[in-house]
């Protein structure tokens, strides 16, 4: 996904959800602060997002802009309407959101996770493709390992999950 495609999804999600602020979580949130991120980070054709003021309307986004929708068929990318609970995020994440708001979003605010928050949440999810994502982000200098360790330590998860996320970070460092 490219930055202009994310901006299109923010604009469209705002219309279908009748909300002027869209929160972008997951891998494509990196486009908020890194519009020219390495291609390896932008392979996904979906953006996970929800309307900030009406998160219950994420289902409307999923129906109108989701996988297999006419929107998806027309443009080749889609929105996955999710809830605020989708990503496990640590204290202060809302203060670090990166705003994407311009004429391409019709001045709708797209609030994207700061890359360290996004990668920490992905490592807490513990999937193999998340390790590859973290390794690429580390190698590109988008995130710093020490900051990631601190963000993982602050996540509201149990100790086994935290320890597993830290071990995945070590693995990502070895691959970067």
N, C-alpha and C. Protein backbone atom coordinates (compact mmCIF):
# COMPACT_ATOMS: atom_id res chain seq x y z
N UNK A 1 0.85 -1.17 0.00
CA UNK A 1 0.00 0.00 0.00
C UNK A 1 0.89 1.24 0.00
N UNK A 2 0.46 2.22 -0.73
CA UNK A 2 1.18 3.50 -0.78
C UNK A 2 0.46 4.52 0.12
N UNK A 3 1.16 5.62 0.40
CA UNK A 3 0.58 6.67 1.25
C UNK A 3 -0.70 7.23 0.63
N UNK A 4 -0.73 7.46 -0.67
CA UNK A 4 -1.94 8.01 -1.29
C UNK A 4 -3.12 7.04 -1.17
N UNK A 5 -2.84 5.75 -1.18
CA UNK A 5 -3.90 4.76 -1.01
C UNK A 5 -4.43 4.78 0.43
N UNK A 6 -3.52 4.93 1.40
CA UNK A 6 -3.96 5.06 2.79
C UNK A 6 -4.81 6.32 2.95
N UNK A 7 -4.40 7.41 2.35
CA UNK A 7 -5.18 8.65 2.43
C UNK A 7 -6.57 8.45 1.83
N UNK A 8 -6.66 7.71 0.74
CA UNK A 8 -7.95 7.40 0.13
C UNK A 8 -8.82 6.60 1.10
N UNK A 9 -8.23 5.61 1.75
CA UNK A 9 -8.99 4.81 2.71
C UNK A 9 -9.47 5.65 3.90
N UNK A 10 -8.63 6.55 4.37
CA UNK A 10 -9.03 7.44 5.48
C UNK A 10 -10.23 8.27 5.04
N UNK A 11 -10.14 8.85 3.87
CA UNK A 11 -11.22 9.69 3.33
C UNK A 11 -12.51 8.88 3.19
N UNK A 12 -12.42 7.70 2.59
CA UNK A 12 -13.60 6.86 2.37
C UNK A 12 -14.17 6.35 3.69
N UNK A 13 -13.31 5.97 4.63
CA UNK A 13 -13.78 5.47 5.92
C UNK A 13 -14.53 6.55 6.68
N UNK A 14 -14.07 7.77 6.57
CA UNK A 14 -14.75 8.88 7.24
C UNK A 14 -16.16 9.06 6.68
N UNK A 15 -16.29 8.93 5.37
CA UNK A 15 -17.61 9.10 4.74
C UNK A 15 -18.57 7.99 5.19
N UNK A 16 -18.13 6.74 5.08
CA UNK A 16 -19.07 5.65 5.39
C UNK A 16 -19.37 5.52 6.89
N UNK A 17 -18.46 5.98 7.75
CA UNK A 17 -18.69 5.88 9.19
C UNK A 17 -19.24 7.17 9.78
N UNK A 18 -19.29 8.22 8.98
CA UNK A 18 -19.74 9.53 9.45
C UNK A 18 -18.95 9.97 10.69
N UNK A 19 -17.63 9.88 10.55
CA UNK A 19 -16.72 10.27 11.63
C UNK A 19 -15.57 11.05 11.00
N UNK A 20 -15.16 12.12 11.64
CA UNK A 20 -14.11 12.97 11.06
C UNK A 20 -12.70 12.62 11.54
N UNK A 21 -12.58 11.54 12.28
CA UNK A 21 -11.27 11.10 12.77
C UNK A 21 -11.19 9.58 12.66
N UNK A 22 -10.18 9.11 11.92
CA UNK A 22 -10.00 7.68 11.70
C UNK A 22 -8.66 7.27 12.30
N UNK A 23 -8.67 6.22 13.11
CA UNK A 23 -7.44 5.71 13.73
C UNK A 23 -6.94 4.53 12.89
N UNK A 24 -5.66 4.60 12.53
CA UNK A 24 -5.04 3.55 11.72
C UNK A 24 -4.07 2.78 12.62
N UNK A 25 -4.29 1.48 12.74
CA UNK A 25 -3.42 0.62 13.53
C UNK A 25 -2.83 -0.43 12.59
N UNK A 26 -1.97 -1.28 13.09
CA UNK A 26 -1.40 -2.32 12.24
C UNK A 26 -0.26 -1.81 11.38
N UNK A 27 0.18 -2.65 10.46
CA UNK A 27 1.40 -2.39 9.70
C UNK A 27 1.34 -1.13 8.86
N UNK A 28 0.20 -0.84 8.25
CA UNK A 28 0.15 0.30 7.35
C UNK A 28 0.11 1.64 8.07
N UNK A 29 -0.01 1.62 9.40
CA UNK A 29 0.08 2.86 10.16
C UNK A 29 1.46 3.50 10.02
N UNK A 30 2.45 2.70 9.63
CA UNK A 30 3.80 3.24 9.43
C UNK A 30 3.82 4.33 8.36
N UNK A 31 2.85 4.30 7.45
CA UNK A 31 2.78 5.31 6.40
C UNK A 31 2.51 6.70 6.95
N UNK A 32 2.02 6.79 8.17
CA UNK A 32 1.80 8.10 8.79
C UNK A 32 3.08 8.88 8.94
N UNK A 33 4.10 8.24 9.46
CA UNK A 33 5.38 8.92 9.68
C UNK A 33 6.42 8.60 8.62
N UNK A 34 6.17 7.55 7.84
CA UNK A 34 7.15 7.11 6.85
C UNK A 34 6.46 6.94 5.49
N UNK A 35 6.08 8.03 4.83
CA UNK A 35 5.36 7.89 3.56
C UNK A 35 6.16 7.16 2.48
N UNK A 36 7.48 7.14 2.62
CA UNK A 36 8.33 6.45 1.67
C UNK A 36 9.03 5.25 2.32
N UNK A 37 8.31 4.55 3.16
CA UNK A 37 8.86 3.39 3.86
C UNK A 37 9.32 2.33 2.86
N UNK A 38 10.25 1.48 3.28
CA UNK A 38 10.71 0.40 2.39
C UNK A 38 9.53 -0.46 1.92
N UNK A 39 9.62 -0.92 0.70
CA UNK A 39 8.56 -1.71 0.09
C UNK A 39 8.19 -2.93 0.93
N UNK A 40 9.17 -3.52 1.63
CA UNK A 40 8.90 -4.70 2.45
C UNK A 40 7.88 -4.42 3.54
N UNK A 41 7.77 -3.16 3.96
CA UNK A 41 6.82 -2.80 5.01
C UNK A 41 5.44 -2.49 4.45
N UNK A 42 5.34 -2.35 3.14
CA UNK A 42 4.11 -1.87 2.52
C UNK A 42 3.44 -2.93 1.64
N UNK A 43 3.73 -4.18 1.88
CA UNK A 43 3.20 -5.26 1.05
C UNK A 43 1.71 -5.50 1.25
N UNK A 44 1.20 -5.14 2.38
CA UNK A 44 -0.20 -5.40 2.67
C UNK A 44 -1.10 -4.55 1.77
N UNK A 45 -2.23 -5.11 1.39
CA UNK A 45 -3.22 -4.39 0.60
C UNK A 45 -4.40 -3.97 1.48
N UNK A 46 -4.22 -4.08 2.80
CA UNK A 46 -5.28 -3.67 3.71
C UNK A 46 -4.73 -2.76 4.79
N UNK A 47 -5.59 -1.88 5.27
CA UNK A 47 -5.26 -1.04 6.41
C UNK A 47 -6.29 -1.31 7.50
N UNK A 48 -5.81 -1.58 8.70
CA UNK A 48 -6.68 -1.79 9.85
C UNK A 48 -7.01 -0.43 10.44
N UNK A 49 -8.28 -0.12 10.52
CA UNK A 49 -8.66 1.21 11.03
C UNK A 49 -10.04 1.19 11.66
N UNK A 50 -10.30 2.25 12.43
CA UNK A 50 -11.61 2.41 13.05
C UNK A 50 -11.92 3.88 13.25
N UNK A 51 -13.22 4.21 13.28
CA UNK A 51 -13.61 5.60 13.54
C UNK A 51 -13.41 5.93 15.02
N UNK A 52 -12.63 6.95 15.28
CA UNK A 52 -12.27 7.25 16.67
C UNK A 52 -13.48 7.59 17.54
N UNK A 53 -14.39 8.39 17.01
CA UNK A 53 -15.52 8.85 17.80
C UNK A 53 -16.68 7.86 17.81
N UNK A 54 -16.68 6.93 16.87
CA UNK A 54 -17.75 5.93 16.77
C UNK A 54 -17.15 4.57 16.42
N UNK A 55 -16.34 4.00 17.31
CA UNK A 55 -15.66 2.74 16.97
C UNK A 55 -16.63 1.60 16.63
N UNK A 56 -17.85 1.68 17.11
CA UNK A 56 -18.84 0.65 16.79
C UNK A 56 -19.19 0.64 15.30
N UNK A 57 -18.86 1.70 14.59
CA UNK A 57 -19.14 1.78 13.16
C UNK A 57 -18.05 1.15 12.30
N UNK A 58 -17.07 0.52 12.93
CA UNK A 58 -16.02 -0.18 12.16
C UNK A 58 -16.63 -1.25 11.28
N UNK A 59 -17.72 -1.83 11.71
CA UNK A 59 -18.38 -2.86 10.91
C UNK A 59 -18.92 -2.28 9.59
N UNK A 60 -19.32 -1.03 9.62
CA UNK A 60 -19.80 -0.36 8.40
C UNK A 60 -18.63 -0.18 7.43
N UNK A 61 -17.47 0.17 7.97
CA UNK A 61 -16.27 0.30 7.15
C UNK A 61 -15.93 -1.04 6.52
N UNK A 62 -15.97 -2.08 7.32
CA UNK A 62 -15.65 -3.42 6.82
C UNK A 62 -16.59 -3.83 5.69
N UNK A 63 -17.87 -3.52 5.84
CA UNK A 63 -18.84 -3.88 4.82
C UNK A 63 -18.67 -3.08 3.54
N UNK A 64 -18.45 -1.79 3.66
CA UNK A 64 -18.39 -0.92 2.48
C UNK A 64 -17.02 -0.90 1.81
N UNK A 65 -15.96 -1.05 2.61
CA UNK A 65 -14.60 -0.88 2.07
C UNK A 65 -13.73 -2.11 2.29
N UNK A 66 -14.31 -3.18 2.81
CA UNK A 66 -13.54 -4.34 3.22
C UNK A 66 -13.20 -5.32 2.11
N UNK A 67 -12.56 -6.38 2.53
CA UNK A 67 -12.13 -7.42 1.60
C UNK A 67 -13.33 -7.96 0.81
N UNK A 68 -13.16 -8.03 -0.51
CA UNK A 68 -14.20 -8.54 -1.38
C UNK A 68 -15.30 -7.54 -1.72
N UNK A 69 -15.21 -6.34 -1.18
CA UNK A 69 -16.21 -5.30 -1.47
C UNK A 69 -15.99 -4.73 -2.86
N UNK A 70 -16.98 -4.05 -3.41
CA UNK A 70 -16.77 -3.35 -4.69
C UNK A 70 -15.58 -2.37 -4.62
N UNK A 71 -15.39 -1.73 -3.46
CA UNK A 71 -14.24 -0.84 -3.28
C UNK A 71 -12.95 -1.62 -3.51
N UNK A 72 -12.82 -2.76 -2.85
CA UNK A 72 -11.64 -3.61 -2.98
C UNK A 72 -11.45 -4.05 -4.44
N UNK A 73 -12.52 -4.49 -5.05
CA UNK A 73 -12.45 -4.94 -6.45
C UNK A 73 -12.02 -3.81 -7.38
N UNK A 74 -12.47 -2.60 -7.10
CA UNK A 74 -12.16 -1.45 -7.96
C UNK A 74 -10.73 -0.97 -7.77
N UNK A 75 -10.28 -0.86 -6.52
CA UNK A 75 -8.99 -0.22 -6.25
C UNK A 75 -7.85 -1.19 -5.94
N UNK A 76 -8.16 -2.43 -5.56
CA UNK A 76 -7.12 -3.40 -5.29
C UNK A 76 -6.57 -3.35 -3.87
N UNK A 77 -7.12 -2.52 -3.03
CA UNK A 77 -6.76 -2.44 -1.62
C UNK A 77 -8.05 -2.19 -0.84
N UNK A 78 -7.98 -2.39 0.48
CA UNK A 78 -9.21 -2.29 1.25
C UNK A 78 -8.93 -1.93 2.71
N UNK A 79 -10.02 -1.56 3.39
CA UNK A 79 -9.97 -1.25 4.81
C UNK A 79 -10.50 -2.44 5.60
N UNK A 80 -9.84 -2.74 6.67
CA UNK A 80 -10.34 -3.75 7.60
C UNK A 80 -10.82 -2.98 8.82
N UNK A 81 -12.13 -2.91 8.99
CA UNK A 81 -12.68 -2.23 10.15
C UNK A 81 -12.41 -3.05 11.40
N UNK A 82 -11.71 -2.47 12.34
CA UNK A 82 -11.34 -3.16 13.57
C UNK A 82 -11.80 -2.33 14.76
N UNK A 83 -11.58 -2.83 15.94
CA UNK A 83 -11.92 -2.09 17.15
C UNK A 83 -10.67 -1.57 17.84
N UNK A 84 -10.85 -0.66 18.78
CA UNK A 84 -9.71 -0.12 19.52
C UNK A 84 -8.90 -1.18 20.25
N UNK A 85 -9.54 -2.32 20.54
CA UNK A 85 -8.86 -3.39 21.28
C UNK A 85 -8.00 -4.28 20.38
N UNK A 86 -8.01 -4.03 19.09
CA UNK A 86 -7.27 -4.88 18.15
C UNK A 86 -5.78 -4.90 18.43
N UNK A 87 -5.20 -3.76 18.68
CA UNK A 87 -3.77 -3.67 18.97
C UNK A 87 -3.55 -3.45 20.45
N UNK A 88 -2.60 -4.19 21.00
CA UNK A 88 -2.23 -4.00 22.40
C UNK A 88 -1.23 -2.86 22.43
N UNK A 89 -1.60 -1.78 23.10
CA UNK A 89 -0.78 -0.58 23.09
C UNK A 89 -0.49 -0.12 24.51
N UNK A 90 0.70 0.44 24.69
CA UNK A 90 1.14 0.86 26.01
C UNK A 90 0.71 2.28 26.36
N UNK A 91 0.99 2.69 27.57
CA UNK A 91 0.62 4.02 28.03
C UNK A 91 1.21 5.11 27.13
N UNK A 92 0.41 6.13 26.90
CA UNK A 92 0.87 7.28 26.13
C UNK A 92 0.78 7.14 24.63
N UNK A 93 0.28 6.00 24.13
CA UNK A 93 0.25 5.80 22.68
C UNK A 93 -0.58 6.87 21.97
N UNK A 94 -1.67 7.30 22.60
CA UNK A 94 -2.50 8.31 21.96
C UNK A 94 -1.78 9.65 21.81
N UNK A 95 -0.88 9.94 22.74
CA UNK A 95 -0.11 11.19 22.66
C UNK A 95 0.94 11.14 21.55
N UNK A 96 1.25 9.95 21.08
CA UNK A 96 2.29 9.79 20.06
C UNK A 96 1.72 9.56 18.65
N UNK A 97 0.41 9.57 18.51
CA UNK A 97 -0.19 9.34 17.20
C UNK A 97 0.33 10.36 16.18
N UNK A 98 0.50 9.91 14.96
CA UNK A 98 0.97 10.75 13.87
C UNK A 98 -0.24 11.08 12.99
N UNK A 99 -0.49 12.34 12.80
CA UNK A 99 -1.67 12.78 12.05
C UNK A 99 -1.38 12.89 10.57
N UNK A 100 -2.25 12.27 9.78
CA UNK A 100 -2.25 12.43 8.33
C UNK A 100 -3.54 13.19 8.02
N UNK A 101 -3.41 14.42 7.62
CA UNK A 101 -4.57 15.26 7.35
C UNK A 101 -4.19 16.27 6.28
N UNK A 102 -4.81 16.14 5.12
CA UNK A 102 -4.47 16.99 3.99
C UNK A 102 -5.60 16.96 2.98
N UNK A 103 -5.46 17.64 1.86
CA UNK A 103 -6.53 17.61 0.86
C UNK A 103 -6.87 16.20 0.36
N UNK A 104 -5.89 15.28 0.35
CA UNK A 104 -6.16 13.90 -0.09
C UNK A 104 -7.06 13.14 0.88
N UNK A 105 -7.14 13.58 2.13
CA UNK A 105 -8.04 12.96 3.11
C UNK A 105 -9.31 13.78 3.27
N UNK A 106 -9.47 14.79 2.43
CA UNK A 106 -10.58 15.77 2.58
C UNK A 106 -10.52 16.42 3.95
N UNK A 107 -9.30 16.62 4.44
CA UNK A 107 -9.03 17.21 5.74
C UNK A 107 -9.56 16.39 6.92
N UNK A 108 -9.90 15.14 6.66
CA UNK A 108 -10.22 14.20 7.74
C UNK A 108 -8.89 13.85 8.41
N UNK A 109 -8.90 13.73 9.72
CA UNK A 109 -7.69 13.36 10.44
C UNK A 109 -7.55 11.84 10.47
N UNK A 110 -6.46 11.35 9.90
CA UNK A 110 -6.09 9.95 10.03
C UNK A 110 -5.01 9.88 11.08
N UNK A 111 -5.26 9.21 12.17
CA UNK A 111 -4.31 9.12 13.28
C UNK A 111 -3.61 7.77 13.21
N UNK A 112 -2.34 7.80 12.90
CA UNK A 112 -1.54 6.58 12.70
C UNK A 112 -0.65 6.32 13.90
N UNK A 113 -0.50 5.05 14.24
CA UNK A 113 0.40 4.69 15.34
C UNK A 113 1.82 5.15 15.04
N UNK A 114 2.49 5.62 16.05
CA UNK A 114 3.92 5.91 15.95
C UNK A 114 4.60 4.57 15.73
N UNK A 115 5.64 4.51 14.87
CA UNK A 115 6.22 3.22 14.50
C UNK A 115 6.64 2.31 15.66
N UNK A 116 7.20 2.85 16.74
CA UNK A 116 7.59 2.00 17.86
C UNK A 116 6.36 1.34 18.50
N UNK A 117 5.27 2.09 18.62
CA UNK A 117 4.04 1.51 19.16
C UNK A 117 3.50 0.43 18.24
N UNK A 118 3.53 0.69 16.93
CA UNK A 118 3.03 -0.30 15.97
C UNK A 118 3.85 -1.58 16.01
N UNK A 119 5.17 -1.45 16.01
CA UNK A 119 6.03 -2.64 15.99
C UNK A 119 5.94 -3.39 17.32
N UNK A 120 5.89 -2.68 18.43
CA UNK A 120 5.74 -3.34 19.73
C UNK A 120 4.44 -4.15 19.77
N UNK A 121 3.36 -3.57 19.26
CA UNK A 121 2.07 -4.28 19.23
C UNK A 121 2.15 -5.50 18.32
N UNK A 122 2.84 -5.37 17.20
CA UNK A 122 2.98 -6.50 16.28
C UNK A 122 3.79 -7.62 16.94
N UNK A 123 4.85 -7.27 17.64
CA UNK A 123 5.66 -8.30 18.31
C UNK A 123 4.87 -8.97 19.43
N UNK A 124 4.01 -8.22 20.09
CA UNK A 124 3.18 -8.81 21.14
C UNK A 124 2.18 -9.80 20.52
N UNK A 125 1.78 -9.56 19.28
CA UNK A 125 0.88 -10.49 18.59
C UNK A 125 1.60 -11.80 18.28
N UNK A 126 2.92 -11.72 18.08
CA UNK A 126 3.75 -12.92 18.01
C UNK A 126 3.70 -13.73 16.74
N UNK A 127 3.38 -13.14 15.62
CA UNK A 127 3.32 -13.89 14.36
C UNK A 127 4.65 -13.77 13.61
N UNK A 128 4.97 -14.79 12.82
CA UNK A 128 6.25 -14.81 12.09
C UNK A 128 6.39 -13.60 11.17
N UNK A 129 5.34 -13.23 10.47
CA UNK A 129 5.47 -12.08 9.57
C UNK A 129 5.69 -10.78 10.34
N UNK A 130 5.31 -10.75 11.61
CA UNK A 130 5.56 -9.56 12.42
C UNK A 130 7.05 -9.44 12.76
N UNK A 131 7.74 -10.56 12.90
CA UNK A 131 9.18 -10.54 13.13
C UNK A 131 9.89 -9.96 11.91
N UNK A 132 9.47 -10.39 10.73
CA UNK A 132 10.06 -9.86 9.50
C UNK A 132 9.80 -8.36 9.37
N UNK A 133 8.61 -7.93 9.72
CA UNK A 133 8.26 -6.51 9.68
C UNK A 133 9.18 -5.73 10.62
N UNK A 134 9.35 -6.24 11.84
CA UNK A 134 10.20 -5.58 12.83
C UNK A 134 11.65 -5.53 12.35
N UNK A 135 12.13 -6.62 11.76
CA UNK A 135 13.52 -6.65 11.27
C UNK A 135 13.73 -5.59 10.18
N UNK A 136 12.78 -5.46 9.28
CA UNK A 136 12.90 -4.46 8.22
C UNK A 136 12.86 -3.05 8.80
N UNK A 137 11.95 -2.81 9.74
CA UNK A 137 11.85 -1.49 10.37
C UNK A 137 13.14 -1.14 11.12
N UNK A 138 13.73 -2.13 11.77
CA UNK A 138 15.01 -1.91 12.46
C UNK A 138 16.12 -1.61 11.46
N UNK A 139 16.22 -2.41 10.41
CA UNK A 139 17.27 -2.23 9.42
C UNK A 139 17.17 -0.89 8.71
N UNK A 140 15.95 -0.40 8.53
CA UNK A 140 15.74 0.88 7.84
C UNK A 140 15.90 2.08 8.78
N UNK A 141 16.09 1.81 10.06
CA UNK A 141 16.25 2.91 11.02
C UNK A 141 14.94 3.59 11.39
N UNK A 142 13.84 2.95 11.09
CA UNK A 142 12.53 3.52 11.41
C UNK A 142 12.24 3.37 12.90
N UNK A 143 12.73 2.28 13.49
CA UNK A 143 12.59 2.05 14.92
C UNK A 143 13.95 1.72 15.51
N UNK A 144 14.04 1.93 16.80
CA UNK A 144 15.26 1.69 17.57
C UNK A 144 14.99 0.54 18.54
N UNK A 145 15.92 -0.39 18.62
CA UNK A 145 15.72 -1.59 19.45
C UNK A 145 15.53 -1.24 20.93
N UNK A 146 16.29 -0.31 21.45
CA UNK A 146 16.16 0.05 22.87
C UNK A 146 14.79 0.65 23.16
N UNK A 147 14.31 1.49 22.25
CA UNK A 147 12.98 2.08 22.44
C UNK A 147 11.90 1.00 22.33
N UNK A 148 12.09 0.05 21.41
CA UNK A 148 11.14 -1.06 21.29
C UNK A 148 11.10 -1.88 22.57
N UNK A 149 12.26 -2.15 23.15
CA UNK A 149 12.29 -2.92 24.40
C UNK A 149 11.49 -2.20 25.48
N UNK A 150 11.68 -0.89 25.57
CA UNK A 150 10.94 -0.11 26.58
C UNK A 150 9.44 -0.13 26.30
N UNK A 151 9.05 -0.01 25.04
CA UNK A 151 7.62 -0.01 24.70
C UNK A 151 7.01 -1.38 24.99
N UNK A 152 7.73 -2.46 24.68
CA UNK A 152 7.23 -3.80 24.97
C UNK A 152 7.08 -3.98 26.48
N UNK A 153 8.06 -3.51 27.26
CA UNK A 153 7.98 -3.62 28.71
C UNK A 153 6.76 -2.91 29.28
N UNK A 154 6.30 -1.86 28.60
CA UNK A 154 5.17 -1.07 29.09
C UNK A 154 3.80 -1.60 28.63
N UNK A 155 3.80 -2.60 27.77
CA UNK A 155 2.53 -3.11 27.25
C UNK A 155 1.70 -3.75 28.36
N UNK A 156 0.38 -3.59 28.32
CA UNK A 156 -0.49 -4.21 29.32
C UNK A 156 -0.79 -5.67 28.97
N UNK A 157 0.25 -6.50 29.07
CA UNK A 157 0.14 -7.91 28.76
C UNK A 157 0.72 -8.72 29.91
N UNK A 158 0.44 -10.02 29.92
CA UNK A 158 1.01 -10.87 30.97
C UNK A 158 2.50 -11.11 30.69
N UNK A 159 3.17 -11.59 31.70
CA UNK A 159 4.63 -11.76 31.60
C UNK A 159 5.05 -12.73 30.50
N UNK A 160 4.39 -13.86 30.32
CA UNK A 160 4.80 -14.75 29.21
C UNK A 160 4.67 -14.06 27.84
N UNK A 161 3.63 -13.29 27.65
CA UNK A 161 3.47 -12.58 26.37
C UNK A 161 4.57 -11.54 26.20
N UNK A 162 4.87 -10.82 27.27
CA UNK A 162 5.93 -9.81 27.23
C UNK A 162 7.29 -10.46 26.93
N UNK A 163 7.58 -11.56 27.59
CA UNK A 163 8.85 -12.26 27.38
C UNK A 163 8.95 -12.78 25.95
N UNK A 164 7.84 -13.29 25.43
CA UNK A 164 7.83 -13.78 24.05
C UNK A 164 8.06 -12.63 23.07
N UNK A 165 7.42 -11.50 23.30
CA UNK A 165 7.61 -10.33 22.43
C UNK A 165 9.06 -9.87 22.46
N UNK A 166 9.67 -9.89 23.64
CA UNK A 166 11.08 -9.48 23.75
C UNK A 166 11.97 -10.47 22.99
N UNK A 167 11.65 -11.75 23.08
CA UNK A 167 12.47 -12.74 22.36
C UNK A 167 12.30 -12.58 20.85
N UNK A 168 11.10 -12.22 20.41
CA UNK A 168 10.89 -11.96 18.98
C UNK A 168 11.66 -10.72 18.53
N UNK A 169 11.76 -9.74 19.41
CA UNK A 169 12.57 -8.56 19.08
C UNK A 169 14.03 -8.95 18.92
N UNK A 170 14.55 -9.79 19.79
CA UNK A 170 15.93 -10.27 19.67
C UNK A 170 16.12 -10.98 18.34
N UNK A 171 15.15 -11.79 17.96
CA UNK A 171 15.20 -12.50 16.68
C UNK A 171 15.18 -11.48 15.52
N UNK A 172 14.33 -10.48 15.61
CA UNK A 172 14.26 -9.44 14.56
C UNK A 172 15.58 -8.69 14.45
N UNK A 173 16.20 -8.42 15.60
CA UNK A 173 17.50 -7.73 15.58
C UNK A 173 18.53 -8.58 14.83
N UNK A 174 18.50 -9.88 15.03
CA UNK A 174 19.47 -10.75 14.37
C UNK A 174 19.25 -10.82 12.87
N UNK A 175 18.03 -10.51 12.44
CA UNK A 175 17.70 -10.54 11.01
C UNK A 175 17.86 -9.18 10.34
N UNK A 176 18.07 -8.14 11.14
CA UNK A 176 18.13 -6.80 10.53
C UNK A 176 19.52 -6.41 10.09
